Amino acid sequence: MNGLLRVPGARYGLVLLFISTLAACSDDRPPVKGFVLPEGDIEQGKAAFLSLGCPQCHTVADSDIEQPENAEFQVRLGGRLIQVEHYGDLLTSIVNPSHRVAPQLRRQDDSGNDEGAVVSPMPDFTGTMTVTQLIDVVEFLHSKYTQVPKYSGRYYHYPI
């Protein structure tokens, strides 16, 4: 084994194997496309949500967060849904807000970088938001979603 550790890259491979083994055995947190987010703090997430100015455009169901009177947008987060936003969806929406944009919020990219591309009005937080803030905000938002059961009865079509 000692000889193996002298092979370039072998130590890194063993460290990655060890970390992935720990991540797979840690707890029952929902996976996010290959990795598991550490547990966030809901209250810290709410504080980060406020300090980053998110209420300028977002309302959050079942919270005391108020939007300013002059808010340009009103994008509701949380609430009772048939399909609850997964951690990965929330994470992607924060890190890459132009990945999925509601039709009423779409704007054309006028920067000249990607002519005709649809962009989100949400600012890019990747340079200002810490990883801890990101994890906490995702935890806070995810806690505000409630899954309602799908209707399991029969649907009937009544011709007019």
C-alpha atoms as a PDB file:
ATOM      1  CA  MET A   1       0.000   0.000   0.000  1.00  0.00           C
ATOM      2  CA  ASN A   2       2.842   2.403   0.797  1.00  0.00           C
ATOM      3  CA  GLY A   3       4.218   1.939  -2.724  1.00  0.00           C
ATOM      4  CA  LEU A   4       0.805   2.734  -4.199  1.00  0.00           C
ATOM      5  CA  LEU A   5       0.706   6.088  -2.399  1.00  0.00           C
ATOM      6  CA  ARG A   6       3.928   7.090  -4.181  1.00  0.00           C
ATOM      7  CA  VAL A   7       2.258   6.745  -7.587  1.00  0.00           C
ATOM      8  CA  PRO A   8       1.282  10.231  -8.856  1.00  0.00           C
ATOM      9  CA  GLY A   9      -2.450  10.768  -8.572  1.00  0.00           C
ATOM     10  CA  ALA A  10      -3.052   7.654  -6.468  1.00  0.00           C
ATOM     11  CA  ARG A  11      -3.457   9.666  -3.268  1.00  0.00           C
ATOM     12  CA  TYR A  12      -6.022  11.906  -4.896  1.00  0.00           C
ATOM     13  CA  GLY A  13      -7.901   8.896  -6.221  1.00  0.00           C
ATOM     14  CA  LEU A  14      -7.984   7.320  -2.775  1.00  0.00           C
ATOM     15  CA  VAL A  15      -9.146  10.578  -1.191  1.00  0.00           C
ATOM     16  CA  LEU A  16     -11.944  10.905  -3.767  1.00  0.00           C
ATOM     17  CA  LEU A  17     -12.944   7.279  -3.196  1.00  0.00           C
ATOM     18  CA  PHE A  18     -13.014   7.860   0.572  1.00  0.00           C
ATOM     19  CA  ILE A  19     -15.099  11.048   0.237  1.00  0.00           C
ATOM     20  CA  SER A  20     -17.579   9.438  -2.148  1.00  0.00           C
ATOM     21  CA  THR A  21     -17.925   6.462   0.203  1.00  0.00           C
ATOM     22  CA  LEU A  22     -18.632   8.784   3.125  1.00  0.00           C
ATOM     23  CA  ALA A  23     -21.139  10.775   1.085  1.00  0.00           C
ATOM     24  CA  ALA A  24     -22.980   7.620   0.052  1.00  0.00           C
ATOM     25  CA  CYS A  25     -23.258   6.431   3.652  1.00  0.00           C
ATOM     26  CA  SER A  26     -23.867   9.738   5.421  1.00  0.00           C
ATOM     27  CA  ASP A  27     -27.603  10.330   5.736  1.00  0.00           C
ATOM     28  CA  ASP A  28     -30.825  10.305   3.802  1.00  0.00           C
ATOM     29  CA  ARG A  29     -30.493  13.768   2.219  1.00  0.00           C
ATOM     30  CA  PRO A  30     -31.836  13.833  -1.347  1.00  0.00           C
ATOM     31  CA  PRO A  31     -29.071  13.374  -3.938  1.00  0.00           C
ATOM     32  CA  VAL A  32     -28.272  16.214  -6.321  1.00  0.00           C
ATOM     33  CA  LYS A  33     -27.022  14.686  -9.548  1.00  0.00           C
ATOM     34  CA  GLY A  34     -24.013  12.901  -8.145  1.00  0.00           C
ATOM     35  CA  PHE A  35     -23.489  14.577  -4.802  1.00  0.00           C
ATOM     36  CA  VAL A  36     -25.357  15.327  -1.610  1.00  0.00           C
ATOM     37  CA  LEU A  37     -25.633  18.791  -0.175  1.00  0.00           C
ATOM     38  CA  PRO A  38     -24.682  19.146   3.460  1.00  0.00           C
ATOM     39  CA  GLU A  39     -27.562  20.002   5.737  1.00  0.00           C
ATOM     40  CA  GLY A  40     -28.297  23.708   5.675  1.00  0.00           C
ATOM     41  CA  ASP A  41     -29.705  25.977   8.340  1.00  0.00           C
ATOM     42  CA  ILE A  42     -33.214  27.251   7.589  1.00  0.00           C
ATOM     43  CA  GLU A  43     -32.906  30.399   9.720  1.00  0.00           C
ATOM     44  CA  GLN A  44     -29.503  31.259   8.251  1.00  0.00           C
ATOM     45  CA  GLY A  45     -31.002  30.633   4.807  1.00  0.00           C
ATOM     46  CA  LYS A  46     -33.794  33.097   5.513  1.00  0.00           C
ATOM     47  CA  ALA A  47     -31.221  35.646   6.720  1.00  0.00           C
ATOM     48  CA  ALA A  48     -29.124  35.145   3.566  1.00  0.00           C
ATOM     49  CA  PHE A  49     -32.263  35.395   1.391  1.00  0.00           C
ATOM     50  CA  LEU A  50     -32.996  38.789   2.980  1.00  0.00           C
ATOM     51  CA  SER A  51     -29.412  40.092   2.936  1.00  0.00           C
ATOM     52  CA  LEU A  52     -28.929  39.194  -0.740  1.00  0.00           C
ATOM     53  CA  GLY A  53     -32.016  41.240  -1.651  1.00  0.00           C
ATOM     54  CA  CYS A  54     -34.099  38.309  -2.914  1.00  0.00           C
ATOM     55  CA  PRO A  55     -37.420  39.850  -1.709  1.00  0.00           C
ATOM     56  CA  GLN A  56     -36.950  42.527  -4.388  1.00  0.00           C
ATOM     57  CA  CYS A  57     -38.379  39.950  -6.818  1.00  0.00           C
ATOM     58  CA  HIS A  58     -39.474  36.923  -4.777  1.00  0.00           C
ATOM     59  CA  THR A  59     -42.232  36.178  -2.301  1.00  0.00           C
ATOM     60  CA  VAL A  60     -42.022  33.052  -0.158  1.00  0.00           C
ATOM     61  CA  ALA A  61     -45.099  31.050   0.838  1.00  0.00           C
ATOM     62  CA  ASP A  62     -45.759  30.616   4.555  1.00  0.00           C
ATOM     63  CA  SER A  63     -43.222  33.229   5.620  1.00  0.00           C
ATOM     64  CA  ASP A  64     -43.272  36.730   7.037  1.00  0.00           C
ATOM     65  CA  ILE A  65     -41.029  38.035   4.258  1.00  0.00           C
ATOM     66  CA  GLU A  66     -42.644  41.040   2.604  1.00  0.00           C
ATOM     67  CA  GLN A  67     -41.910  42.392  -0.825  1.00  0.00           C
ATOM     68  CA  PRO A  68     -41.365  46.133  -1.253  1.00  0.00           C
ATOM     69  CA  GLU A  69     -44.213  48.151  -2.778  1.00  0.00           C
ATOM     70  CA  ASN A  70     -42.105  49.042  -5.836  1.00  0.00           C
ATOM     71  CA  ALA A  71     -41.050  45.446  -6.638  1.00  0.00           C
ATOM     72  CA  GLU A  72     -40.538  44.996 -10.378  1.00  0.00           C
ATOM     73  CA  PHE A  73     -41.385  41.284 -10.309  1.00  0.00           C
ATOM     74  CA  GLN A  74     -43.368  38.985  -8.072  1.00  0.00           C
ATOM     75  CA  VAL A  75     -42.027  35.455  -8.376  1.00  0.00           C
ATOM     76  CA  ARG A  76     -43.639  33.185  -5.785  1.00  0.00           C
ATOM     77  CA  LEU A  77     -41.510  30.472  -4.214  1.00  0.00           C
ATOM     78  CA  GLY A  78     -42.781  27.626  -2.070  1.00  0.00           C
ATOM     79  CA  GLY A  79     -46.349  26.594  -1.435  1.00  0.00           C
ATOM     80  CA  ARG A  80     -48.451  23.523  -2.073  1.00  0.00           C
ATOM     81  CA  LEU A  81     -47.537  21.791  -5.332  1.00  0.00           C
ATOM     82  CA  ILE A  82     -48.070  18.392  -6.898  1.00  0.00           C
ATOM     83  CA  GLN A  83     -44.382  18.278  -7.793  1.00  0.00           C
ATOM     84  CA  VAL A  84     -42.123  19.868  -5.188  1.00  0.00           C
ATOM     85  CA  GLU A  85     -38.953  21.590  -6.334  1.00  0.00           C
ATOM     86  CA  HIS A  86     -36.022  19.251  -5.763  1.00  0.00           C
ATOM     87  CA  TYR A  87     -32.785  20.457  -4.171  1.00  0.00           C
ATOM     88  CA  GLY A  88     -31.109  20.205  -7.568  1.00  0.00           C
ATOM     89  CA  ASP A  89     -33.790  22.367  -9.204  1.00  0.00           C
ATOM     90  CA  LEU A  90     -33.480  25.054  -6.544  1.00  0.00           C
ATOM     91  CA  LEU A  91     -29.686  24.941  -6.657  1.00  0.00           C
ATOM     92  CA  THR A  92     -29.645  25.234 -10.449  1.00  0.00           C
ATOM     93  CA  SER A  93     -32.134  28.106 -10.403  1.00  0.00           C
ATOM     94  CA  ILE A  94     -29.878  30.072  -8.060  1.00  0.00           C
ATOM     95  CA  VAL A  95     -26.520  29.256  -9.650  1.00  0.00           C
ATOM     96  CA  ASN A  96     -27.765  29.448 -13.255  1.00  0.00           C
ATOM     97  CA  PRO A  97     -31.015  31.437 -13.283  1.00  0.00           C
ATOM     98  CA  SER A  98     -31.200  31.532 -17.092  1.00  0.00           C
ATOM     99  CA  HIS A  99     -31.355  27.720 -17.223  1.00  0.00           C
ATOM    100  CA  ARG A 100     -35.148  27.799 -16.878  1.00  0.00           C
ATOM    101  CA  VAL A 101     -37.017  31.104 -17.167  1.00  0.00           C
ATOM    102  CA  ALA A 102     -40.777  31.607 -16.902  1.00  0.00           C
ATOM    103  CA  PRO A 103     -42.151  32.906 -20.219  1.00  0.00           C
ATOM    104  CA  GLN A 104     -43.392  36.185 -18.699  1.00  0.00           C
ATOM    105  CA  LEU A 105     -39.902  36.942 -17.318  1.00  0.00           C
ATOM    106  CA  ARG A 106     -37.832  36.131 -20.410  1.00  0.00           C
ATOM    107  CA  ARG A 107     -35.589  38.826 -21.811  1.00  0.00           C
ATOM    108  CA  GLN A 108     -33.292  38.865 -24.788  1.00  0.00           C
ATOM    109  CA  ASP A 109     -29.561  38.970 -24.086  1.00  0.00           C
ATOM    110  CA  ASP A 110     -28.405  42.404 -25.196  1.00  0.00           C
ATOM    111  CA  SER A 111     -24.800  41.944 -24.069  1.00  0.00           C
ATOM    112  CA  GLY A 112     -23.772  40.676 -27.487  1.00  0.00           C
ATOM    113  CA  ASN A 113     -22.232  37.522 -25.995  1.00  0.00           C
ATOM    114  CA  ASP A 114     -24.954  35.102 -27.096  1.00  0.00           C
ATOM    115  CA  GLU A 115     -27.194  36.955 -29.498  1.00  0.00           C
ATOM    116  CA  GLY A 116     -30.856  36.061 -29.146  1.00  0.00           C
ATOM    117  CA  ALA A 117     -30.375  33.989 -25.984  1.00  0.00           C
ATOM    118  CA  VAL A 118     -33.083  34.113 -23.337  1.00  0.00           C
ATOM    119  CA  VAL A 119     -31.825  35.401 -20.010  1.00  0.00           C
ATOM    120  CA  SER A 120     -33.334  35.715 -16.581  1.00  0.00           C
ATOM    121  CA  PRO A 121     -33.707  39.109 -14.924  1.00  0.00           C
ATOM    122  CA  MET A 122     -32.219  37.493 -11.781  1.00  0.00           C
ATOM    123  CA  PRO A 123     -28.684  38.733 -11.129  1.00  0.00           C
ATOM    124  CA  ASP A 124     -25.689  36.410 -11.100  1.00  0.00           C
ATOM    125  CA  PHE A 125     -24.857  35.639  -7.458  1.00  0.00           C
ATOM    126  CA  THR A 126     -21.962  33.257  -8.164  1.00  0.00           C
ATOM    127  CA  GLY A 127     -19.404  35.938  -7.319  1.00  0.00           C
ATOM    128  CA  THR A 128     -21.086  37.236  -4.179  1.00  0.00           C
ATOM    129  CA  MET A 129     -22.924  34.337  -2.538  1.00  0.00           C
ATOM    130  CA  THR A 130     -20.885  31.977  -0.381  1.00  0.00           C
ATOM    131  CA  VAL A 131     -21.342  28.215  -0.627  1.00  0.00           C
ATOM    132  CA  THR A 132     -22.726  28.206   2.917  1.00  0.00           C
ATOM    133  CA  GLN A 133     -25.279  30.871   1.983  1.00  0.00           C
ATOM    134  CA  LEU A 134     -26.252  28.865  -1.090  1.00  0.00           C
ATOM    135  CA  ILE A 135     -26.788  25.685   0.921  1.00  0.00           C
ATOM    136  CA  ASP A 136     -28.751  27.561   3.597  1.00  0.00           C
ATOM    137  CA  VAL A 137     -30.958  29.398   1.065  1.00  0.00           C
ATOM    138  CA  VAL A 138     -31.724  26.105  -0.707  1.00  0.00           C
ATOM    139  CA  GLU A 139     -32.604  24.528   2.664  1.00  0.00           C
ATOM    140  CA  PHE A 140     -34.834  27.495   3.559  1.00  0.00           C
ATOM    141  CA  LEU A 141     -36.663  27.484   0.223  1.00  0.00           C
ATOM    142  CA  HIS A 142     -37.047  23.714   0.123  1.00  0.00           C
ATOM    143  CA  SER A 143     -38.683  23.838   3.566  1.00  0.00           C
ATOM    144  CA  LYS A 144     -41.389  26.121   2.134  1.00  0.00           C
ATOM    145  CA  TYR A 145     -42.647  23.585  -0.416  1.00  0.00           C
ATOM    146  CA  THR A 146     -45.393  21.117   0.484  1.00  0.00           C
ATOM    147  CA  GLN A 147     -46.290  18.243  -1.781  1.00  0.00           C
ATOM    148  CA  VAL A 148     -49.997  17.608  -2.206  1.00  0.00           C
ATOM    149  CA  PRO A 149     -51.150  14.154  -3.247  1.00  0.00           C
ATOM    150  CA  LYS A 150     -51.972  13.622  -6.881  1.00  0.00           C
ATOM    151  CA  TYR A 151     -55.619  12.990  -7.673  1.00  0.00           C
ATOM    152  CA  SER A 152     -56.009   9.231  -7.901  1.00  0.00           C
ATOM    153  CA  GLY A 153     -59.656   9.112  -8.954  1.00  0.00           C
ATOM    154  CA  ARG A 154     -61.022   8.896 -12.455  1.00  0.00           C
ATOM    155  CA  TYR A 155     -61.425  11.818 -14.761  1.00  0.00           C
ATOM    156  CA  TYR A 156     -64.604  11.881 -16.823  1.00  0.00           C
ATOM    157  CA  HIS A 157     -65.123  13.719 -20.057  1.00  0.00           C
ATOM    158  CA  TYR A 158     -68.623  15.108 -20.486  1.00  0.00           C
ATOM    159  CA  PRO A 159     -69.280  16.236 -24.054  1.00  0.00           C
ATOM    160  CA  ILE A 160     -71.020  19.581 -24.432  1.00  0.00           C
END
